[in-house]
C-alpha atoms as a PDB file:
ATOM      1  CA  MET A   1      81.422 -69.892 -67.422  1.00  0.00           C
ATOM      2  CA  SER A   2      83.313 -73.099 -66.392  1.00  0.00           C
ATOM      3  CA  ASN A   3      86.732 -72.903 -67.769  1.00  0.00           C
ATOM      4  CA  ILE A   4      88.291 -76.706 -68.576  1.00  0.00           C
ATOM      5  CA  SER A   5      91.917 -76.858 -68.577  1.00  0.00           C
ATOM      6  CA  LYS A   6      94.028 -78.991 -71.072  1.00  0.00           C
ATOM      7  CA  ASP A   7      95.149 -80.816 -68.182  1.00  0.00           C
ATOM      8  CA  ASP A   8      91.420 -81.618 -66.950  1.00  0.00           C
ATOM      9  CA  VAL A   9      91.117 -82.919 -70.531  1.00  0.00           C
ATOM     10  CA  LYS A  10      93.845 -85.235 -70.495  1.00  0.00           C
ATOM     11  CA  ASN A  11      92.825 -86.507 -67.050  1.00  0.00           C
ATOM     12  CA  ILE A  12      89.314 -87.533 -68.419  1.00  0.00           C
ATOM     13  CA  ALA A  13      90.818 -88.922 -71.520  1.00  0.00           C
ATOM     14  CA  LYS A  14      93.264 -90.863 -69.014  1.00  0.00           C
ATOM     15  CA  LEU A  15      90.600 -92.244 -66.689  1.00  0.00           C
ATOM     16  CA  SER A  16      88.383 -93.182 -70.074  1.00  0.00           C
ATOM     17  CA  ARG A  17      91.372 -94.950 -71.338  1.00  0.00           C
ATOM     18  CA  LEU A  18      91.647 -92.873 -74.240  1.00  0.00           C
ATOM     19  CA  LYS A  19      94.817 -91.650 -76.187  1.00  0.00           C
ATOM     20  CA  LEU A  20      94.592 -88.057 -77.606  1.00  0.00           C
ATOM     21  CA  SER A  21      96.720 -86.073 -79.622  1.00  0.00           C
ATOM     22  CA  ASP A  22      97.144 -82.461 -79.048  1.00  0.00           C
ATOM     23  CA  GLU A  23      94.632 -81.482 -81.480  1.00  0.00           C
ATOM     24  CA  GLU A  24      92.138 -83.559 -80.081  1.00  0.00           C
ATOM     25  CA  VAL A  25      92.890 -82.187 -76.691  1.00  0.00           C
ATOM     26  CA  THR A  26      92.431 -78.845 -77.801  1.00  0.00           C
ATOM     27  CA  LYS A  27      89.017 -79.704 -79.752  1.00  0.00           C
ATOM     28  CA  TYR A  28      87.344 -81.395 -76.702  1.00  0.00           C
ATOM     29  CA  GLN A  29      88.501 -78.551 -74.213  1.00  0.00           C
ATOM     30  CA  ALA A  30      86.373 -76.342 -76.383  1.00  0.00           C
ATOM     31  CA  GLU A  31      83.527 -78.564 -76.604  1.00  0.00           C
ATOM     32  CA  LEU A  32      83.478 -79.759 -73.003  1.00  0.00           C
ATOM     33  CA  GLU A  33      83.312 -75.901 -71.992  1.00  0.00           C
ATOM     34  CA  ALA A  34      80.347 -75.551 -74.310  1.00  0.00           C
ATOM     35  CA  ILE A  35      78.438 -78.109 -72.870  1.00  0.00           C
ATOM     36  CA  LEU A  36      79.216 -77.052 -69.104  1.00  0.00           C
ATOM     37  CA  HIS A  37      78.143 -73.416 -70.222  1.00  0.00           C
ATOM     38  CA  TYR A  38      74.673 -75.002 -71.645  1.00  0.00           C
ATOM     39  CA  VAL A  39      74.254 -76.879 -68.484  1.00  0.00           C
ATOM     40  CA  GLU A  40      74.807 -73.860 -66.493  1.00  0.00           C
ATOM     41  CA  LYS A  41      72.002 -72.205 -68.657  1.00  0.00           C
ATOM     42  CA  LEU A  42      69.594 -75.199 -67.912  1.00  0.00           C
ATOM     43  CA  GLN A  43      70.500 -74.655 -64.061  1.00  0.00           C
ATOM     44  CA  SER A  44      69.301 -71.032 -64.002  1.00  0.00           C
ATOM     45  CA  ALA A  45      66.020 -71.988 -65.874  1.00  0.00           C
ATOM     46  CA  ASP A  46      63.066 -71.109 -63.701  1.00  0.00           C
ATOM     47  CA  THR A  47      60.957 -74.223 -63.029  1.00  0.00           C
ATOM     48  CA  SER A  48      58.949 -73.581 -60.128  1.00  0.00           C
ATOM     49  CA  GLY A  49      55.690 -74.615 -60.502  1.00  0.00           C
ATOM     50  CA  LEU A  50      56.464 -77.157 -63.093  1.00  0.00           C
ATOM     51  CA  GLU A  51      55.337 -80.670 -62.098  1.00  0.00           C
ATOM     52  CA  PRO A  52      57.927 -83.275 -62.652  1.00  0.00           C
ATOM     53  CA  THR A  53      57.998 -85.559 -65.821  1.00  0.00           C
ATOM     54  CA  TYR A  54      58.183 -88.832 -65.311  1.00  0.00           C
ATOM     55  CA  GLN A  55      56.743 -90.325 -68.230  1.00  0.00           C
ATOM     56  CA  VAL A  56      55.927 -88.553 -71.314  1.00  0.00           C
ATOM     57  CA  THR A  57      54.295 -91.121 -73.566  1.00  0.00           C
ATOM     58  CA  GLY A  58      51.513 -92.265 -71.559  1.00  0.00           C
ATOM     59  CA  LEU A  59      52.783 -95.911 -71.733  1.00  0.00           C
ATOM     60  CA  VAL A  60      52.006 -98.323 -68.852  1.00  0.00           C
ATOM     61  CA  ASN A  61      53.852-101.491 -67.892  1.00  0.00           C
ATOM     62  CA  VAL A  62      51.561-104.109 -69.189  1.00  0.00           C
ATOM     63  CA  LEU A  63      51.858-107.402 -66.932  1.00  0.00           C
ATOM     64  CA  ARG A  64      50.075-110.291 -66.532  1.00  0.00           C
ATOM     65  CA  ALA A  65      49.713-113.115 -63.782  1.00  0.00           C
ATOM     66  CA  ASP A  66      51.959-115.816 -64.444  1.00  0.00           C
ATOM     67  CA  GLU A  67      49.463-118.956 -65.045  1.00  0.00           C
ATOM     68  CA  GLU A  68      50.553-122.275 -65.583  1.00  0.00           C
ATOM     69  CA  ILE A  69      49.098-123.870 -68.775  1.00  0.00           C
ATOM     70  CA  ASP A  70      48.378-127.498 -69.196  1.00  0.00           C
ATOM     71  CA  TYR A  71      49.031-128.758 -72.626  1.00  0.00           C
ATOM     72  CA  GLY A  72      48.167-132.340 -71.757  1.00  0.00           C
ATOM     73  CA  THR A  73      51.515-133.782 -72.287  1.00  0.00           C
ATOM     74  CA  SER A  74      53.643-135.141 -69.243  1.00  0.00           C
ATOM     75  CA  LYS A  75      57.430-134.373 -68.857  1.00  0.00           C
ATOM     76  CA  LYS A  76      57.895-137.963 -69.295  1.00  0.00           C
ATOM     77  CA  GLU A  77      56.144-138.070 -72.644  1.00  0.00           C
ATOM     78  CA  LEU A  78      58.565-134.987 -73.896  1.00  0.00           C
ATOM     79  CA  LEU A  79      61.630-136.202 -72.671  1.00  0.00           C
ATOM     80  CA  LYS A  80      61.103-140.023 -74.532  1.00  0.00           C
ATOM     81  CA  ASN A  81      62.172-138.230 -77.772  1.00  0.00           C
ATOM     82  CA  ALA A  82      64.981-136.391 -76.392  1.00  0.00           C
ATOM     83  CA  PRO A  83      68.417-137.197 -78.107  1.00  0.00           C
ATOM     84  CA  SER A  84      69.887-137.034 -74.582  1.00  0.00           C
ATOM     85  CA  GLN A  85      68.435-136.710 -70.940  1.00  0.00           C
ATOM     86  CA  GLU A  86      70.099-136.426 -67.849  1.00  0.00           C
ATOM     87  CA  ASN A  87      68.421-136.114 -64.310  1.00  0.00           C
ATOM     88  CA  GLY A  88      64.987-135.333 -66.081  1.00  0.00           C
ATOM     89  CA  HIS A  89      66.043-132.675 -68.304  1.00  0.00           C
ATOM     90  CA  PHE A  90      67.224-132.037 -71.739  1.00  0.00           C
ATOM     91  CA  LYS A  91      70.761-132.658 -72.122  1.00  0.00           C
ATOM     92  CA  VAL A  92      72.498-130.241 -74.597  1.00  0.00           C
ATOM     93  CA  LYS A  93      75.863-129.492 -75.842  1.00  0.00           C
ATOM     94  CA  ARG A  94      77.527-126.685 -73.542  1.00  0.00           C
ATOM     95  CA  MET A  95      77.062-123.325 -75.696  1.00  0.00           C
ATOM     96  CA  VAL A  96      79.174-120.865 -73.661  1.00  0.00           C
ATOM     97  CA  GLY A  97      83.052-121.343 -73.851  1.00  0.00           C
END
């Protein structure tokens, strides 16, 4: 079984920029040891003869080809009603600060 020291927990907390109390360090030490123990159990499981599971839902990416659609309106007609335009494009107020 993997042993996690309190110093290990404090180092992980420091790397994660977390401030932990002594009680929290003790609590997370036990929790991390339990997690690592479970991972060790999983690593010892016999998976020989099993196919890898890449996708379990059967869903497939649905892609379509890009098609240009002509709506019968020109760029010039669309821009003539724009309150503000610049270089053949709609001009809008800046949205990001």
